[in-house]
Amino acid sequence: MAKTIQVRVDDQLKDSADMLFSSLGLDTSTAIRMFLVASMEAGGIPFAVTHGAGRDYAIREAIRYRKSGGGFLTAEQSLANMRAALETGVEYD
């Protein structure tokens, strides 16, 4: 016996997902079934679910740096440094 799952999503999200899955030759119901099967095979969500740990770490470090008395360049200072570096031939990655 098959069970029904109902999920409320924003209209734009649903329309975008329908178009994406259609371009892959799938309907949304099949794509959701694939997600459920992949979850069972993975024993959890089949992709990383995070809180942006890298970004959060950078923000915490910047706050720590500022609280310890460190200063930051203004936008104008940063641009001046970049222009000077370009004039001297320094390359950025």
N, C-alpha and C. Protein backbone atom coordinates (compact mmCIF):
# COMPACT_ATOMS: atom_id res chain seq x y z
N MET A 1 0.84 -1.19 0.00
CA MET A 1 0.00 0.00 0.00
C MET A 1 0.88 1.24 0.00
N ALA A 2 0.55 2.22 -0.79
CA ALA A 2 1.30 3.47 -0.88
C ALA A 2 0.69 4.50 0.06
N LYS A 3 1.55 5.30 0.66
CA LYS A 3 1.09 6.39 1.53
C LYS A 3 1.33 7.71 0.83
N THR A 4 0.57 8.70 1.20
CA THR A 4 0.68 10.03 0.61
C THR A 4 1.39 10.95 1.59
N ILE A 5 2.30 11.77 1.06
CA ILE A 5 2.97 12.80 1.84
C ILE A 5 2.56 14.13 1.26
N GLN A 6 2.08 15.04 2.10
CA GLN A 6 1.73 16.38 1.64
C GLN A 6 2.70 17.37 2.29
N VAL A 7 3.24 18.26 1.47
CA VAL A 7 4.19 19.26 1.96
C VAL A 7 3.79 20.61 1.40
N ARG A 8 3.77 21.62 2.25
CA ARG A 8 3.48 22.98 1.78
C ARG A 8 4.79 23.67 1.46
N VAL A 9 4.88 24.21 0.25
CA VAL A 9 6.05 24.98 -0.17
C VAL A 9 5.58 26.22 -0.90
N ASP A 10 6.44 27.20 -0.95
CA ASP A 10 6.19 28.44 -1.66
C ASP A 10 5.92 28.14 -3.14
N ASP A 11 5.00 28.87 -3.74
CA ASP A 11 4.66 28.66 -5.15
C ASP A 11 5.88 28.73 -6.06
N GLN A 12 6.72 29.74 -5.84
CA GLN A 12 7.89 29.93 -6.69
C GLN A 12 8.85 28.75 -6.55
N LEU A 13 9.05 28.27 -5.33
CA LEU A 13 9.92 27.10 -5.11
C LEU A 13 9.35 25.89 -5.83
N LYS A 14 8.08 25.64 -5.72
CA LYS A 14 7.45 24.50 -6.37
C LYS A 14 7.59 24.59 -7.89
N ASP A 15 7.30 25.76 -8.44
CA ASP A 15 7.41 25.93 -9.90
C ASP A 15 8.86 25.74 -10.37
N SER A 16 9.81 26.31 -9.63
CA SER A 16 11.22 26.17 -10.00
C SER A 16 11.66 24.71 -9.91
N ALA A 17 11.26 24.02 -8.84
CA ALA A 17 11.62 22.62 -8.68
C ALA A 17 10.99 21.78 -9.79
N ASP A 18 9.73 22.04 -10.11
CA ASP A 18 9.06 21.31 -11.20
C ASP A 18 9.84 21.46 -12.51
N MET A 19 10.27 22.70 -12.81
CA MET A 19 11.01 22.95 -14.05
C MET A 19 12.36 22.24 -14.03
N LEU A 20 13.05 22.30 -12.89
CA LEU A 20 14.35 21.64 -12.78
C LEU A 20 14.20 20.13 -12.98
N PHE A 21 13.29 19.52 -12.24
CA PHE A 21 13.12 18.07 -12.34
C PHE A 21 12.65 17.66 -13.73
N SER A 22 11.79 18.47 -14.33
CA SER A 22 11.32 18.18 -15.69
C SER A 22 12.50 18.19 -16.67
N SER A 23 13.44 19.13 -16.47
CA SER A 23 14.59 19.19 -17.36
C SER A 23 15.48 17.97 -17.20
N LEU A 24 15.33 17.26 -16.08
CA LEU A 24 16.08 16.03 -15.83
C LEU A 24 15.28 14.79 -16.21
N GLY A 25 14.09 15.02 -16.75
CA GLY A 25 13.24 13.89 -17.14
C GLY A 25 12.48 13.28 -15.99
N LEU A 26 12.29 14.05 -14.93
CA LEU A 26 11.61 13.55 -13.73
C LEU A 26 10.41 14.43 -13.42
N ASP A 27 9.46 13.87 -12.68
CA ASP A 27 8.44 14.71 -12.08
C ASP A 27 8.84 14.91 -10.62
N THR A 28 8.20 15.85 -9.97
CA THR A 28 8.59 16.19 -8.59
C THR A 28 8.36 15.03 -7.64
N SER A 29 7.30 14.28 -7.83
CA SER A 29 7.04 13.12 -6.97
C SER A 29 8.18 12.10 -7.07
N THR A 30 8.66 11.84 -8.28
CA THR A 30 9.77 10.91 -8.47
C THR A 30 11.03 11.44 -7.81
N ALA A 31 11.30 12.74 -7.95
CA ALA A 31 12.49 13.34 -7.34
C ALA A 31 12.43 13.22 -5.82
N ILE A 32 11.25 13.41 -5.24
CA ILE A 32 11.11 13.28 -3.79
C ILE A 32 11.29 11.82 -3.37
N ARG A 33 10.76 10.88 -4.15
CA ARG A 33 10.98 9.46 -3.85
C ARG A 33 12.47 9.14 -3.90
N MET A 34 13.18 9.69 -4.90
CA MET A 34 14.62 9.47 -5.00
C MET A 34 15.34 10.01 -3.75
N PHE A 35 14.93 11.18 -3.26
CA PHE A 35 15.50 11.74 -2.04
C PHE A 35 15.27 10.80 -0.86
N LEU A 36 14.07 10.27 -0.73
CA LEU A 36 13.76 9.37 0.38
C LEU A 36 14.59 8.09 0.30
N VAL A 37 14.72 7.52 -0.90
CA VAL A 37 15.53 6.31 -1.07
C VAL A 37 16.99 6.61 -0.74
N ALA A 38 17.51 7.73 -1.25
CA ALA A 38 18.90 8.10 -0.97
C ALA A 38 19.12 8.32 0.53
N SER A 39 18.14 8.88 1.22
CA SER A 39 18.23 9.07 2.66
C SER A 39 18.33 7.74 3.39
N MET A 40 17.52 6.78 2.96
CA MET A 40 17.55 5.45 3.59
C MET A 40 18.89 4.77 3.33
N GLU A 41 19.41 4.90 2.11
CA GLU A 41 20.70 4.29 1.78
C GLU A 41 21.84 4.94 2.55
N ALA A 42 21.76 6.26 2.76
CA ALA A 42 22.81 7.00 3.47
C ALA A 42 22.67 6.88 4.98
N GLY A 43 21.50 6.47 5.43
CA GLY A 43 21.25 6.42 6.87
C GLY A 43 21.08 7.81 7.46
N GLY A 44 20.65 8.75 6.65
CA GLY A 44 20.45 10.14 7.07
C GLY A 44 20.23 11.00 5.85
N ILE A 45 20.32 12.29 6.05
CA ILE A 45 20.18 13.21 4.92
C ILE A 45 21.35 12.95 3.97
N PRO A 46 21.10 12.80 2.67
CA PRO A 46 22.17 12.42 1.74
C PRO A 46 23.06 13.58 1.27
N PHE A 47 23.11 14.64 2.04
CA PHE A 47 24.01 15.75 1.76
C PHE A 47 24.28 16.45 3.08
N ALA A 48 25.32 17.26 3.12
CA ALA A 48 25.71 17.93 4.36
C ALA A 48 24.66 18.95 4.77
N VAL A 49 24.29 18.92 6.03
CA VAL A 49 23.39 19.91 6.61
C VAL A 49 24.20 20.64 7.67
N THR A 50 24.49 21.92 7.43
CA THR A 50 25.37 22.66 8.32
C THR A 50 24.78 24.02 8.67
N HIS A 51 25.40 24.65 9.60
CA HIS A 51 25.05 26.01 10.00
C HIS A 51 26.05 27.01 9.45
N GLY A 52 26.76 26.67 8.39
CA GLY A 52 27.75 27.58 7.83
C GLY A 52 28.92 27.76 8.78
N ALA A 53 29.44 26.64 9.29
CA ALA A 53 30.48 26.68 10.32
C ALA A 53 31.68 27.52 9.90
N GLY A 54 32.12 27.43 8.67
CA GLY A 54 33.26 28.21 8.22
C GLY A 54 33.00 29.70 8.29
N ARG A 55 31.84 30.10 7.85
CA ARG A 55 31.46 31.51 7.89
C ARG A 55 31.33 31.98 9.34
N ASP A 56 30.67 31.15 10.16
CA ASP A 56 30.49 31.51 11.57
C ASP A 56 31.84 31.65 12.27
N TYR A 57 32.78 30.76 11.94
CA TYR A 57 34.11 30.83 12.55
C TYR A 57 34.79 32.14 12.17
N ALA A 58 34.71 32.52 10.90
CA ALA A 58 35.34 33.76 10.44
C ALA A 58 34.72 34.97 11.14
N ILE A 59 33.43 34.95 11.33
CA ILE A 59 32.75 36.06 12.01
C ILE A 59 33.19 36.12 13.47
N ARG A 60 33.23 34.95 14.14
CA ARG A 60 33.66 34.93 15.55
C ARG A 60 35.09 35.42 15.69
N GLU A 61 35.96 35.03 14.76
CA GLU A 61 37.36 35.47 14.81
C GLU A 61 37.47 36.97 14.59
N ALA A 62 36.67 37.51 13.68
CA ALA A 62 36.69 38.95 13.44
C ALA A 62 36.21 39.71 14.68
N ILE A 63 35.19 39.19 15.34
CA ILE A 63 34.69 39.82 16.57
C ILE A 63 35.75 39.76 17.66
N ARG A 64 36.39 38.60 17.81
CA ARG A 64 37.45 38.44 18.81
C ARG A 64 38.58 39.41 18.54
N TYR A 65 38.98 39.50 17.27
CA TYR A 65 40.07 40.40 16.87
C TYR A 65 39.72 41.85 17.20
N ARG A 66 38.51 42.25 16.87
CA ARG A 66 38.07 43.64 17.10
C ARG A 66 38.02 43.93 18.60
N LYS A 67 37.48 42.98 19.39
CA LYS A 67 37.38 43.19 20.85
C LYS A 67 38.76 43.26 21.50
N SER A 68 39.75 42.63 20.88
CA SER A 68 41.10 42.66 21.45
C SER A 68 41.85 43.93 21.06
N GLY A 69 41.17 44.83 20.38
CA GLY A 69 41.78 46.10 20.03
C GLY A 69 42.25 46.19 18.59
N GLY A 70 42.11 45.14 17.86
CA GLY A 70 42.52 45.16 16.46
C GLY A 70 41.62 46.05 15.63
N GLY A 71 42.17 46.63 14.61
CA GLY A 71 41.39 47.50 13.74
C GLY A 71 41.26 46.91 12.35
N PHE A 72 40.35 47.45 11.59
CA PHE A 72 40.13 47.03 10.22
C PHE A 72 40.36 48.21 9.29
N LEU A 73 40.76 47.91 8.09
CA LEU A 73 40.91 48.96 7.10
C LEU A 73 39.54 49.45 6.65
N THR A 74 39.48 50.71 6.27
CA THR A 74 38.25 51.21 5.66
C THR A 74 38.20 50.70 4.24
N ALA A 75 37.07 50.84 3.60
CA ALA A 75 36.94 50.44 2.20
C ALA A 75 37.92 51.22 1.34
N GLU A 76 38.06 52.50 1.63
CA GLU A 76 38.99 53.33 0.86
C GLU A 76 40.43 52.85 1.03
N GLN A 77 40.81 52.49 2.25
CA GLN A 77 42.16 51.99 2.49
C GLN A 77 42.40 50.67 1.76
N SER A 78 41.41 49.81 1.79
CA SER A 78 41.54 48.52 1.10
C SER A 78 41.71 48.72 -0.40
N LEU A 79 40.90 49.61 -0.97
CA LEU A 79 41.01 49.88 -2.41
C LEU A 79 42.36 50.49 -2.75
N ALA A 80 42.84 51.40 -1.91
CA ALA A 80 44.15 52.00 -2.15
C ALA A 80 45.24 50.93 -2.12
N ASN A 81 45.15 50.00 -1.17
CA ASN A 81 46.12 48.91 -1.09
C ASN A 81 46.07 48.03 -2.34
N MET A 82 44.86 47.74 -2.82
CA MET A 82 44.72 46.92 -4.02
C MET A 82 45.29 47.62 -5.24
N ARG A 83 44.99 48.91 -5.35
CA ARG A 83 45.52 49.68 -6.49
C ARG A 83 47.05 49.71 -6.47
N ALA A 84 47.61 49.93 -5.27
CA ALA A 84 49.08 49.95 -5.14
C ALA A 84 49.66 48.60 -5.51
N ALA A 85 49.02 47.53 -5.08
CA ALA A 85 49.52 46.19 -5.40
C ALA A 85 49.47 45.94 -6.90
N LEU A 86 48.39 46.39 -7.55
CA LEU A 86 48.28 46.21 -9.00
C LEU A 86 49.35 47.00 -9.73
N GLU A 87 49.64 48.19 -9.25
CA GLU A 87 50.67 49.02 -9.88
C GLU A 87 52.06 48.40 -9.76
N THR A 88 52.28 47.64 -8.68
CA THR A 88 53.60 47.01 -8.50
C THR A 88 53.66 45.62 -9.12
N GLY A 89 52.53 45.18 -9.71
CA GLY A 89 52.53 43.89 -10.41
C GLY A 89 52.24 42.69 -9.54
N VAL A 90 51.74 42.89 -8.34
CA VAL A 90 51.39 41.77 -7.48
C VAL A 90 50.14 41.10 -8.03
N GLU A 91 50.15 39.76 -8.10
CA GLU A 91 49.00 39.03 -8.63
C GLU A 91 48.22 38.41 -7.49
N TYR A 92 46.90 38.36 -7.66
CA TYR A 92 46.01 37.73 -6.68
C TYR A 92 45.58 36.39 -7.20
N ASP A 93 45.32 35.47 -6.28
CA ASP A 93 44.78 34.15 -6.66
C ASP A 93 43.30 34.24 -6.87
